[in-house]
């Protein structure tokens, strides 16, 4: 979690808004952290093969898989969670800093 905090702090500095008052800064960091972690979770779940995603959802629902075991389940399913996290953080950074093209924004209609 410390690395996520450092990453968010860095984004605020790059965006030029690192000098917010402490209360506003903590609120922004909290919101950004929650959004980023949700995106990482979503990317990891989407990377699972369909049968493993169904198995995970079922296991969480019936209690055979505990929340604290989800990362191990995903690793056992062959996911590289560090790569998924890194890739998601880079996309998040690009979107936050405005460095990523949105479809239809360029001349070729990307």
PDB file of N, CA and C in Angstrom:
ATOM      1  N   UNK A   1       0.823  -1.193   0.000  1.00  0.00           N
ATOM      2  CA  UNK A   1       0.000   0.000   0.000  1.00  0.00           C
ATOM      3  C   UNK A   1       0.870   1.260   0.000  1.00  0.00           C
ATOM      4  N   UNK A   2       2.055   1.145   0.601  1.00  0.00           N
ATOM      5  CA  UNK A   2       2.974   2.289   0.631  1.00  0.00           C
ATOM      6  C   UNK A   2       3.396   2.696  -0.775  1.00  0.00           C
ATOM      7  N   UNK A   3       3.615   1.711  -1.642  1.00  0.00           N
ATOM      8  CA  UNK A   3       4.007   2.020  -3.015  1.00  0.00           C
ATOM      9  C   UNK A   3       2.892   2.748  -3.752  1.00  0.00           C
ATOM     10  N   UNK A   4       1.647   2.373  -3.470  1.00  0.00           N
ATOM     11  CA  UNK A   4       0.514   3.055  -4.097  1.00  0.00           C
ATOM     12  C   UNK A   4       0.480   4.509  -3.633  1.00  0.00           C
ATOM     13  N   UNK A   5       0.696   4.732  -2.346  1.00  0.00           N
ATOM     14  CA  UNK A   5       0.709   6.095  -1.802  1.00  0.00           C
ATOM     15  C   UNK A   5       1.811   6.931  -2.467  1.00  0.00           C
ATOM     16  N   UNK A   6       3.001   6.351  -2.599  1.00  0.00           N
ATOM     17  CA  UNK A   6       4.106   7.059  -3.251  1.00  0.00           C
ATOM     18  C   UNK A   6       3.768   7.371  -4.707  1.00  0.00           C
ATOM     19  N   UNK A   7       3.133   6.414  -5.379  1.00  0.00           N
ATOM     20  CA  UNK A   7       2.742   6.602  -6.774  1.00  0.00           C
ATOM     21  C   UNK A   7       1.737   7.752  -6.898  1.00  0.00           C
ATOM     22  N   UNK A   8       0.737   7.777  -6.040  1.00  0.00           N
ATOM     23  CA  UNK A   8      -0.279   8.834  -6.072  1.00  0.00           C
ATOM     24  C   UNK A   8       0.367  10.182  -5.739  1.00  0.00           C
ATOM     25  N   UNK A   9       1.242  10.220  -4.735  1.00  0.00           N
ATOM     26  CA  UNK A   9       1.959  11.462  -4.406  1.00  0.00           C
ATOM     27  C   UNK A   9       2.713  11.987  -5.619  1.00  0.00           C
ATOM     28  N   UNK A  10       3.366  11.086  -6.329  1.00  0.00           N
ATOM     29  CA  UNK A  10       4.122  11.460  -7.523  1.00  0.00           C
ATOM     30  C   UNK A  10       3.204  12.043  -8.599  1.00  0.00           C
ATOM     31  N   UNK A  11       2.032  11.440  -8.770  1.00  0.00           N
ATOM     32  CA  UNK A  11       1.080  11.951  -9.754  1.00  0.00           C
ATOM     33  C   UNK A  11       0.622  13.360  -9.405  1.00  0.00           C
ATOM     34  N   UNK A  12       0.366  13.593  -8.134  1.00  0.00           N
ATOM     35  CA  UNK A  12      -0.057  14.930  -7.710  1.00  0.00           C
ATOM     36  C   UNK A  12       1.037  15.955  -7.980  1.00  0.00           C
ATOM     37  N   UNK A  13       2.289  15.572  -7.730  1.00  0.00           N
ATOM     38  CA  UNK A  13       3.402  16.474  -8.023  1.00  0.00           C
ATOM     39  C   UNK A  13       3.501  16.744  -9.516  1.00  0.00           C
ATOM     40  N   UNK A  14       3.397  15.689 -10.328  1.00  0.00           N
ATOM     41  CA  UNK A  14       3.482  15.850 -11.777  1.00  0.00           C
ATOM     42  C   UNK A  14       2.335  16.709 -12.318  1.00  0.00           C
ATOM     43  N   UNK A  15       1.182  16.604 -11.678  1.00  0.00           N
ATOM     44  CA  UNK A  15       0.012  17.375 -12.103  1.00  0.00           C
ATOM     45  C   UNK A  15       0.098  18.822 -11.616  1.00  0.00           C
ATOM     46  N   UNK A  16       1.018  19.080 -10.668  1.00  0.00           N
ATOM     47  CA  UNK A  16       1.199  20.431 -10.166  1.00  0.00           C
ATOM     48  C   UNK A  16       0.223  20.811  -9.071  1.00  0.00           C
ATOM     49  N   UNK A  17      -0.326  19.809  -8.383  1.00  0.00           N
ATOM     50  CA  UNK A  17      -1.281  20.117  -7.318  1.00  0.00           C
ATOM     51  C   UNK A  17      -0.859  19.481  -5.993  1.00  0.00           C
ATOM     52  N   UNK A  18       0.427  19.343  -5.797  1.00  0.00           N
ATOM     53  CA  UNK A  18       0.938  18.718  -4.580  1.00  0.00           C
ATOM     54  C   UNK A  18       0.820  19.634  -3.361  1.00  0.00           C
ATOM     55  N   UNK A  19       0.547  20.913  -3.585  1.00  0.00           N
ATOM     56  CA  UNK A  19       0.520  21.862  -2.475  1.00  0.00           C
ATOM     57  C   UNK A  19      -0.882  22.101  -1.915  1.00  0.00           C
ATOM     58  N   UNK A  20      -1.784  21.139  -2.093  1.00  0.00           N
ATOM     59  CA  UNK A  20      -3.115  21.236  -1.509  1.00  0.00           C
ATOM     60  C   UNK A  20      -2.996  21.257   0.013  1.00  0.00           C
ATOM     61  N   UNK A  21      -4.005  21.855   0.686  1.00  0.00           N
ATOM     62  CA  UNK A  21      -3.965  21.774   2.142  1.00  0.00           C
ATOM     63  C   UNK A  21      -4.102  20.308   2.549  1.00  0.00           C
ATOM     64  N   UNK A  22      -3.667  19.981   3.749  1.00  0.00           N
ATOM     65  CA  UNK A  22      -3.543  18.589   4.197  1.00  0.00           C
ATOM     66  C   UNK A  22      -4.862  17.815   4.098  1.00  0.00           C
ATOM     67  N   UNK A  23      -5.963  18.430   4.490  1.00  0.00           N
ATOM     68  CA  UNK A  23      -7.256  17.738   4.452  1.00  0.00           C
ATOM     69  C   UNK A  23      -7.668  17.422   3.015  1.00  0.00           C
ATOM     70  N   UNK A  24      -7.538  18.394   2.134  1.00  0.00           N
ATOM     71  CA  UNK A  24      -7.897  18.181   0.728  1.00  0.00           C
ATOM     72  C   UNK A  24      -6.972  17.157   0.095  1.00  0.00           C
ATOM     73  N   UNK A  25      -5.693  17.250   0.408  1.00  0.00           N
ATOM     74  CA  UNK A  25      -4.710  16.309  -0.143  1.00  0.00           C
ATOM     75  C   UNK A  25      -5.036  14.870   0.264  1.00  0.00           C
ATOM     76  N   UNK A  26      -5.338  14.662   1.537  1.00  0.00           N
ATOM     77  CA  UNK A  26      -5.669  13.319   2.015  1.00  0.00           C
ATOM     78  C   UNK A  26      -6.947  12.800   1.363  1.00  0.00           C
ATOM     79  N   UNK A  27      -7.913  13.669   1.152  1.00  0.00           N
ATOM     80  CA  UNK A  27      -9.161  13.277   0.490  1.00  0.00           C
ATOM     81  C   UNK A  27      -8.896  12.879  -0.960  1.00  0.00           C
ATOM     82  N   UNK A  28      -8.099  13.678  -1.657  1.00  0.00           N
ATOM     83  CA  UNK A  28      -7.757  13.368  -3.056  1.00  0.00           C
ATOM     84  C   UNK A  28      -6.974  12.060  -3.127  1.00  0.00           C
ATOM     85  N   UNK A  29      -5.988  11.905  -2.255  1.00  0.00           N
ATOM     86  CA  UNK A  29      -5.180  10.672  -2.245  1.00  0.00           C
ATOM     87  C   UNK A  29      -6.068   9.464  -1.945  1.00  0.00           C
ATOM     88  N   UNK A  30      -6.969   9.596  -0.992  1.00  0.00           N
ATOM     89  CA  UNK A  30      -7.874   8.505  -0.662  1.00  0.00           C
ATOM     90  C   UNK A  30      -8.749   8.105  -1.847  1.00  0.00           C
ATOM     91  N   UNK A  31      -9.317   9.092  -2.513  1.00  0.00           N
ATOM     92  CA  UNK A  31     -10.171   8.818  -3.674  1.00  0.00           C
ATOM     93  C   UNK A  31      -9.383   8.188  -4.814  1.00  0.00           C
ATOM     94  N   UNK A  32      -8.205   8.742  -5.077  1.00  0.00           N
ATOM     95  CA  UNK A  32      -7.384   8.198  -6.169  1.00  0.00           C
ATOM     96  C   UNK A  32      -6.921   6.780  -5.852  1.00  0.00           C
ATOM     97  N   UNK A  33      -6.545   6.537  -4.596  1.00  0.00           N
ATOM     98  CA  UNK A  33      -6.103   5.199  -4.188  1.00  0.00           C
ATOM     99  C   UNK A  33      -7.227   4.191  -4.368  1.00  0.00           C
ATOM    100  N   UNK A  34      -8.405   4.538  -3.917  1.00  0.00           N
ATOM    101  CA  UNK A  34      -9.558   3.637  -4.050  1.00  0.00           C
ATOM    102  C   UNK A  34      -9.837   3.336  -5.524  1.00  0.00           C
ATOM    103  N   UNK A  35      -9.813   4.364  -6.356  1.00  0.00           N
ATOM    104  CA  UNK A  35     -10.061   4.170  -7.790  1.00  0.00           C
ATOM    105  C   UNK A  35      -8.993   3.289  -8.412  1.00  0.00           C
ATOM    106  N   UNK A  36      -7.733   3.551  -8.105  1.00  0.00           N
ATOM    107  CA  UNK A  36      -6.642   2.768  -8.672  1.00  0.00           C
ATOM    108  C   UNK A  36      -6.730   1.306  -8.242  1.00  0.00           C
ATOM    109  N   UNK A  37      -6.966   1.062  -6.969  1.00  0.00           N
ATOM    110  CA  UNK A  37      -7.057  -0.316  -6.489  1.00  0.00           C
ATOM    111  C   UNK A  37      -8.244  -1.043  -7.121  1.00  0.00           C
ATOM    112  N   UNK A  38      -9.348  -0.331  -7.317  1.00  0.00           N
ATOM    113  CA  UNK A  38     -10.500  -0.928  -8.012  1.00  0.00           C
ATOM    114  C   UNK A  38     -10.127  -1.304  -9.442  1.00  0.00           C
ATOM    115  N   UNK A  39      -9.379  -0.437 -10.112  1.00  0.00           N
ATOM    116  CA  UNK A  39      -8.967  -0.708 -11.501  1.00  0.00           C
ATOM    117  C   UNK A  39      -8.004  -1.891 -11.570  1.00  0.00           C
ATOM    118  N   UNK A  40      -7.113  -1.998 -10.601  1.00  0.00           N
ATOM    119  CA  UNK A  40      -6.186  -3.139 -10.562  1.00  0.00           C
ATOM    120  C   UNK A  40      -6.971  -4.433 -10.345  1.00  0.00           C
ATOM    121  N   UNK A  41      -7.915  -4.404  -9.401  1.00  0.00           N
ATOM    122  CA  UNK A  41      -8.754  -5.582  -9.160  1.00  0.00           C
ATOM    123  C   UNK A  41      -9.511  -5.973 -10.424  1.00  0.00           C
ATOM    124  N   UNK A  42     -10.085  -4.981 -11.074  1.00  0.00           N
ATOM    125  CA  UNK A  42     -10.851  -5.232 -12.304  1.00  0.00           C
ATOM    126  C   UNK A  42      -9.964  -5.838 -13.392  1.00  0.00           C
ATOM    127  N   UNK A  43      -8.768  -5.297 -13.550  1.00  0.00           N
ATOM    128  CA  UNK A  43      -7.841  -5.816 -14.568  1.00  0.00           C
ATOM    129  C   UNK A  43      -7.443  -7.257 -14.260  1.00  0.00           C
ATOM    130  N   UNK A  44      -7.213  -7.556 -12.990  1.00  0.00           N
ATOM    131  CA  UNK A  44      -6.827  -8.918 -12.608  1.00  0.00           C
ATOM    132  C   UNK A  44      -7.976  -9.891 -12.861  1.00  0.00           C
ATOM    133  N   UNK A  45      -9.158  -9.508 -12.485  1.00  0.00           N
ATOM    134  CA  UNK A  45     -10.319 -10.381 -12.711  1.00  0.00           C
ATOM    135  C   UNK A  45     -10.540 -10.590 -14.200  1.00  0.00           C
ATOM    136  N   UNK A  46     -10.410  -9.530 -14.981  1.00  0.00           N
ATOM    137  CA  UNK A  46     -10.592  -9.640 -16.432  1.00  0.00           C
ATOM    138  C   UNK A  46      -9.511 -10.487 -17.090  1.00  0.00           C
ATOM    139  N   UNK A  47      -8.359 -10.602 -16.440  1.00  0.00           N
ATOM    140  CA  UNK A  47      -7.263 -11.406 -16.992  1.00  0.00           C
ATOM    141  C   UNK A  47      -7.437 -12.900 -16.721  1.00  0.00           C
ATOM    142  N   UNK A  48      -8.319 -13.233 -15.788  1.00  0.00           N
ATOM    143  CA  UNK A  48      -8.558 -14.649 -15.487  1.00  0.00           C
ATOM    144  C   UNK A  48      -9.292 -15.326 -16.647  1.00  0.00           C
ATOM    145  N   UNK A  49      -8.950 -16.580 -16.928  1.00  0.00           N
ATOM    146  CA  UNK A  49      -9.773 -17.341 -17.878  1.00  0.00           C
ATOM    147  C   UNK A  49     -11.204 -17.406 -17.322  1.00  0.00           C
ATOM    148  N   UNK A  50     -12.175 -17.480 -18.210  1.00  0.00           N
ATOM    149  CA  UNK A  50     -13.576 -17.423 -17.790  1.00  0.00           C
ATOM    150  C   UNK A  50     -13.914 -18.471 -16.726  1.00  0.00           C
ATOM    151  N   UNK A  51     -13.425 -19.691 -16.906  1.00  0.00           N
ATOM    152  CA  UNK A  51     -13.751 -20.736 -15.935  1.00  0.00           C
ATOM    153  C   UNK A  51     -13.169 -20.419 -14.554  1.00  0.00           C
ATOM    154  N   UNK A  52     -11.990 -19.820 -14.512  1.00  0.00           N
ATOM    155  CA  UNK A  52     -11.373 -19.453 -13.230  1.00  0.00           C
ATOM    156  C   UNK A  52     -12.113 -18.274 -12.590  1.00  0.00           C
ATOM    157  N   UNK A  53     -12.584 -17.332 -13.414  1.00  0.00           N
ATOM    158  CA  UNK A  53     -13.344 -16.195 -12.887  1.00  0.00           C
ATOM    159  C   UNK A  53     -14.650 -16.679 -12.261  1.00  0.00           C
ATOM    160  N   UNK A  54     -15.309 -17.615 -12.934  1.00  0.00           N
ATOM    161  CA  UNK A  54     -16.552 -18.180 -12.404  1.00  0.00           C
ATOM    162  C   UNK A  54     -16.273 -18.937 -11.112  1.00  0.00           C
ATOM    163  N   UNK A  55     -15.203 -19.715 -11.111  1.00  0.00           N
ATOM    164  CA  UNK A  55     -14.815 -20.473  -9.918  1.00  0.00           C
ATOM    165  C   UNK A  55     -14.498 -19.540  -8.748  1.00  0.00           C
ATOM    166  N   UNK A  56     -13.805 -18.451  -9.036  1.00  0.00           N
ATOM    167  CA  UNK A  56     -13.471 -17.477  -7.996  1.00  0.00           C
ATOM    168  C   UNK A  56     -14.736 -16.839  -7.434  1.00  0.00           C
ATOM    169  N   UNK A  57     -15.609 -16.385  -8.306  1.00  0.00           N
ATOM    170  CA  UNK A  57     -16.851 -15.746  -7.855  1.00  0.00           C
ATOM    171  C   UNK A  57     -17.672 -16.710  -7.007  1.00  0.00           C
ATOM    172  N   UNK A  58     -17.770 -17.930  -7.456  1.00  0.00           N
ATOM    173  CA  UNK A  58     -18.522 -18.944  -6.726  1.00  0.00           C
ATOM    174  C   UNK A  58     -17.872 -19.222  -5.367  1.00  0.00           C
ATOM    175  N   UNK A  59     -16.554 -19.354  -5.361  1.00  0.00           N
ATOM    176  CA  UNK A  59     -15.835 -19.611  -4.116  1.00  0.00           C
ATOM    177  C   UNK A  59     -15.968 -18.487  -3.111  1.00  0.00           C
ATOM    178  N   UNK A  60     -15.954 -17.252  -3.590  1.00  0.00           N
ATOM    179  CA  UNK A  60     -16.133 -16.106  -2.697  1.00  0.00           C
ATOM    180  C   UNK A  60     -17.555 -16.089  -2.136  1.00  0.00           C
ATOM    181  N   UNK A  61     -18.498 -16.431  -3.012  1.00  0.00           N
ATOM    182  CA  UNK A  61     -19.903 -16.425  -2.595  1.00  0.00           C
ATOM    183  C   UNK A  61     -20.198 -17.507  -1.560  1.00  0.00           C
ATOM    184  N   UNK A  62     -19.671 -18.710  -1.780  1.00  0.00           N
ATOM    185  CA  UNK A  62     -19.997 -19.809  -0.857  1.00  0.00           C
ATOM    186  C   UNK A  62     -18.999 -19.938   0.298  1.00  0.00           C
ATOM    187  N   UNK A  63     -17.975 -19.107   0.315  1.00  0.00           N
ATOM    188  CA  UNK A  63     -17.040 -19.083   1.420  1.00  0.00           C
ATOM    189  C   UNK A  63     -15.862 -20.040   1.314  1.00  0.00           C
ATOM    190  N   UNK A  64     -15.778 -20.786   0.219  1.00  0.00           N
ATOM    191  CA  UNK A  64     -14.652 -21.710   0.083  1.00  0.00           C
ATOM    192  C   UNK A  64     -13.350 -20.982  -0.264  1.00  0.00           C
ATOM    193  N   UNK A  65     -13.473 -19.755  -0.770  1.00  0.00           N
ATOM    194  CA  UNK A  65     -12.309 -18.899  -1.012  1.00  0.00           C
ATOM    195  C   UNK A  65     -12.512 -17.643  -0.178  1.00  0.00           C
ATOM    196  N   UNK A  66     -11.546 -17.328   0.645  1.00  0.00           N
ATOM    197  CA  UNK A  66     -11.625 -16.138   1.488  1.00  0.00           C
ATOM    198  C   UNK A  66     -10.982 -14.962   0.763  1.00  0.00           C
ATOM    199  N   UNK A  67     -11.437 -13.763   1.077  1.00  0.00           N
ATOM    200  CA  UNK A  67     -10.912 -12.555   0.433  1.00  0.00           C
ATOM    201  C   UNK A  67      -9.389 -12.488   0.495  1.00  0.00           C
ATOM    202  N   UNK A  68      -8.824 -12.871   1.641  1.00  0.00           N
ATOM    203  CA  UNK A  68      -7.371 -12.782   1.789  1.00  0.00           C
ATOM    204  C   UNK A  68      -6.630 -13.810   0.941  1.00  0.00           C
ATOM    205  N   UNK A  69      -7.362 -14.765   0.368  1.00  0.00           N
ATOM    206  CA  UNK A  69      -6.744 -15.790  -0.477  1.00  0.00           C
ATOM    207  C   UNK A  69      -6.866 -15.507  -1.974  1.00  0.00           C
ATOM    208  N   UNK A  70      -7.520 -14.401  -2.322  1.00  0.00           N
ATOM    209  CA  UNK A  70      -7.779 -14.109  -3.732  1.00  0.00           C
ATOM    210  C   UNK A  70      -6.481 -13.933  -4.518  1.00  0.00           C
ATOM    211  N   UNK A  71      -5.520 -13.204  -3.973  1.00  0.00           N
ATOM    212  CA  UNK A  71      -4.258 -12.986  -4.696  1.00  0.00           C
ATOM    213  C   UNK A  71      -3.556 -14.309  -4.967  1.00  0.00           C
ATOM    214  N   UNK A  72      -3.528 -15.188  -3.968  1.00  0.00           N
ATOM    215  CA  UNK A  72      -2.906 -16.502  -4.183  1.00  0.00           C
ATOM    216  C   UNK A  72      -3.670 -17.313  -5.215  1.00  0.00           C
ATOM    217  N   UNK A  73      -4.994 -17.235  -5.194  1.00  0.00           N
ATOM    218  CA  UNK A  73      -5.809 -17.941  -6.183  1.00  0.00           C
ATOM    219  C   UNK A  73      -5.426 -17.466  -7.592  1.00  0.00           C
ATOM    220  N   UNK A  74      -5.305 -16.159  -7.742  1.00  0.00           N
ATOM    221  CA  UNK A  74      -4.988 -15.593  -9.059  1.00  0.00           C
ATOM    222  C   UNK A  74      -3.582 -15.988  -9.501  1.00  0.00           C
ATOM    223  N   UNK A  75      -2.635 -15.969  -8.574  1.00  0.00           N
ATOM    224  CA  UNK A  75      -1.274 -16.394  -8.909  1.00  0.00           C
ATOM    225  C   UNK A  75      -1.255 -17.862  -9.313  1.00  0.00           C
ATOM    226  N   UNK A  76      -2.001 -18.689  -8.569  1.00  0.00           N
ATOM    227  CA  UNK A  76      -2.094 -20.120  -8.900  1.00  0.00           C
ATOM    228  C   UNK A  76      -2.747 -20.340 -10.260  1.00  0.00           C
ATOM    229  N   UNK A  77      -3.592 -19.384 -10.668  1.00  0.00           N
ATOM    230  CA  UNK A  77      -4.255 -19.474 -11.977  1.00  0.00           C
ATOM    231  C   UNK A  77      -3.322 -18.995 -13.088  1.00  0.00           C
ATOM    232  N   UNK A  78      -2.103 -18.569 -12.724  1.00  0.00           N
ATOM    233  CA  UNK A  78      -1.115 -18.183 -13.720  1.00  0.00           C
ATOM    234  C   UNK A  78      -1.002 -16.692 -13.994  1.00  0.00           C
ATOM    235  N   UNK A  79      -1.675 -15.874 -13.192  1.00  0.00           N
ATOM    236  CA  UNK A  79      -1.601 -14.432 -13.433  1.00  0.00           C
ATOM    237  C   UNK A  79      -0.326 -13.842 -12.836  1.00  0.00           C
ATOM    238  N   UNK A  80       0.240 -12.893 -13.553  1.00  0.00           N
ATOM    239  CA  UNK A  80       1.370 -12.123 -13.051  1.00  0.00           C
ATOM    240  C   UNK A  80       0.796 -10.832 -12.468  1.00  0.00           C
ATOM    241  N   UNK A  81       0.463 -10.868 -11.191  1.00  0.00           N
ATOM    242  CA  UNK A  81      -0.207  -9.735 -10.558  1.00  0.00           C
ATOM    243  C   UNK A  81       0.660  -8.486 -10.520  1.00  0.00           C
ATOM    244  N   UNK A  82       1.969  -8.645 -10.436  1.00  0.00           N
ATOM    245  CA  UNK A  82       2.846  -7.473 -10.453  1.00  0.00           C
ATOM    246  C   UNK A  82       2.768  -6.763 -11.800  1.00  0.00           C
ATOM    247  N   UNK A  83       2.771  -7.530 -12.878  1.00  0.00           N
ATOM    248  CA  UNK A  83       2.673  -6.937 -14.211  1.00  0.00           C
ATOM    249  C   UNK A  83       1.309  -6.292 -14.424  1.00  0.00           C
ATOM    250  N   UNK A  84       0.254  -6.979 -13.995  1.00  0.00           N
ATOM    251  CA  UNK A  84      -1.093  -6.416 -14.128  1.00  0.00           C
ATOM    252  C   UNK A  84      -1.190  -5.114 -13.344  1.00  0.00           C
ATOM    253  N   UNK A  85      -0.649  -5.107 -12.125  1.00  0.00           N
ATOM    254  CA  UNK A  85      -0.676  -3.891 -11.307  1.00  0.00           C
ATOM    255  C   UNK A  85       0.118  -2.769 -11.973  1.00  0.00           C
ATOM    256  N   UNK A  86       1.319  -3.084 -12.442  1.00  0.00           N
ATOM    257  CA  UNK A  86       2.166  -2.075 -13.084  1.00  0.00           C
ATOM    258  C   UNK A  86       1.482  -1.515 -14.327  1.00  0.00           C
ATOM    259  N   UNK A  87       0.987  -2.393 -15.191  1.00  0.00           N
ATOM    260  CA  UNK A  87       0.331  -1.941 -16.421  1.00  0.00           C
ATOM    261  C   UNK A  87      -0.876  -1.054 -16.114  1.00  0.00           C
ATOM    262  N   UNK A  88      -1.645  -1.448 -15.121  1.00  0.00           N
ATOM    263  CA  UNK A  88      -2.822  -0.664 -14.744  1.00  0.00           C
ATOM    264  C   UNK A  88      -2.415   0.687 -14.174  1.00  0.00           C
ATOM    265  N   UNK A  89      -1.350   0.706 -13.389  1.00  0.00           N
ATOM    266  CA  UNK A  89      -0.868   1.970 -12.842  1.00  0.00           C
ATOM    267  C   UNK A  89      -0.388   2.907 -13.947  1.00  0.00           C
ATOM    268  N   UNK A  90       0.239   2.375 -14.981  1.00  0.00           N
ATOM    269  CA  UNK A  90       0.710   3.213 -16.084  1.00  0.00           C
ATOM    270  C   UNK A  90      -0.469   3.792 -16.883  1.00  0.00           C
ATOM    271  N   UNK A  91      -1.493   2.999 -17.094  1.00  0.00           N
ATOM    272  CA  UNK A  91      -2.697   3.497 -17.775  1.00  0.00           C
ATOM    273  C   UNK A  91      -3.355   4.573 -16.924  1.00  0.00           C
ATOM    274  N   UNK A  92      -3.474   4.311 -15.634  1.00  0.00           N
ATOM    275  CA  UNK A  92      -4.058   5.282 -14.703  1.00  0.00           C
ATOM    276  C   UNK A  92      -3.275   6.589 -14.749  1.00  0.00           C
ATOM    277  N   UNK A  93      -1.947   6.479 -14.714  1.00  0.00           N
ATOM    278  CA  UNK A  93      -1.083   7.671 -14.769  1.00  0.00           C
ATOM    279  C   UNK A  93      -1.324   8.457 -16.053  1.00  0.00           C
ATOM    280  N   UNK A  94      -1.325   7.747 -17.174  1.00  0.00           N
ATOM    281  CA  UNK A  94      -1.506   8.420 -18.459  1.00  0.00           C
ATOM    282  C   UNK A  94      -2.861   9.113 -18.548  1.00  0.00           C
ATOM    283  N   UNK A  95      -3.895   8.445 -18.053  1.00  0.00           N
ATOM    284  CA  UNK A  95      -5.223   9.067 -18.061  1.00  0.00           C
ATOM    285  C   UNK A  95      -5.264  10.273 -17.128  1.00  0.00           C
ATOM    286  N   UNK A  96      -4.704  10.134 -15.948  1.00  0.00           N
ATOM    287  CA  UNK A  96      -4.732  11.219 -14.970  1.00  0.00           C
ATOM    288  C   UNK A  96      -3.954  12.434 -15.446  1.00  0.00           C
ATOM    289  N   UNK A  97      -2.814  12.179 -16.056  1.00  0.00           N
ATOM    290  CA  UNK A  97      -1.982  13.293 -16.521  1.00  0.00           C
ATOM    291  C   UNK A  97      -2.391  13.788 -17.901  1.00  0.00           C
ATOM    292  N   UNK A  98      -3.344  13.106 -18.517  1.00  0.00           N
ATOM    293  CA  UNK A  98      -3.841  13.551 -19.813  1.00  0.00           C
ATOM    294  C   UNK A  98      -2.954  13.178 -20.975  1.00  0.00           C
ATOM    295  N   UNK A  99      -2.126  12.143 -20.807  1.00  0.00           N
ATOM    296  CA  UNK A  99      -1.185  11.752 -21.855  1.00  0.00           C
ATOM    297  C   UNK A  99      -1.722  10.658 -22.767  1.00  0.00           C
ATOM    298  N   UNK A 100      -2.938  10.213 -22.550  1.00  0.00           N
ATOM    299  CA  UNK A 100      -3.456   9.099 -23.332  1.00  0.00           C
ATOM    300  C   UNK A 100      -4.537   9.608 -24.277  1.00  0.00           C
ATOM    301  N   UNK A 101      -4.462   9.148 -25.514  1.00  0.00           N
ATOM    302  CA  UNK A 101      -5.483   9.505 -26.479  1.00  0.00           C
ATOM    303  C   UNK A 101      -6.783   8.784 -26.145  1.00  0.00           C
ATOM    304  N   UNK A 102      -7.847   9.507 -26.282  1.00  0.00           N
ATOM    305  CA  UNK A 102      -9.171   8.914 -26.139  1.00  0.00           C
ATOM    306  C   UNK A 102      -9.658   8.618 -27.548  1.00  0.00           C
ATOM    307  N   UNK A 103     -10.284   7.448 -27.779  1.00  0.00           N
ATOM    308  CA  UNK A 103     -10.751   7.140 -29.129  1.00  0.00           C
ATOM    309  C   UNK A 103     -11.514   8.291 -29.742  1.00  0.00           C
ATOM    310  N   UNK A 104     -11.120   8.645 -30.979  1.00  0.00           N
ATOM    311  CA  UNK A 104     -11.765   9.730 -31.704  1.00  0.00           C
ATOM    312  C   UNK A 104     -11.102  11.080 -31.523  1.00  0.00           C
ATOM    313  N   UNK A 105     -10.054  11.168 -30.693  1.00  0.00           N
ATOM    314  CA  UNK A 105      -9.407  12.443 -30.410  1.00  0.00           C
ATOM    315  C   UNK A 105      -8.375  12.863 -31.451  1.00  0.00           C
ATOM    316  N   UNK A 106      -7.855  11.926 -32.227  1.00  0.00           N
ATOM    317  CA  UNK A 106      -6.850  12.319 -33.192  1.00  0.00           C
ATOM    318  C   UNK A 106      -7.451  12.392 -34.588  1.00  0.00           C
ATOM    319  N   UNK A 107      -6.645  12.868 -35.543  1.00  0.00           N
ATOM    320  CA  UNK A 107      -7.134  13.091 -36.894  1.00  0.00           C
ATOM    321  C   UNK A 107      -7.554  11.804 -37.592  1.00  0.00           C
ATOM    322  N   UNK A 108      -6.917  10.677 -37.265  1.00  0.00           N
ATOM    323  CA  UNK A 108      -7.233   9.437 -37.935  1.00  0.00           C
ATOM    324  C   UNK A 108      -8.448   8.745 -37.323  1.00  0.00           C
ATOM    325  N   UNK A 109      -9.037   9.339 -36.300  1.00  0.00           N
ATOM    326  CA  UNK A 109     -10.238   8.765 -35.690  1.00  0.00           C
ATOM    327  C   UNK A 109      -9.957   7.647 -34.715  1.00  0.00           C
ATOM    328  N   UNK A 110      -8.723   7.602 -34.186  1.00  0.00           N
ATOM    329  CA  UNK A 110      -8.397   6.551 -33.214  1.00  0.00           C
ATOM    330  C   UNK A 110      -9.314   6.606 -32.028  1.00  0.00           C
TER     331      UNK A 110
END
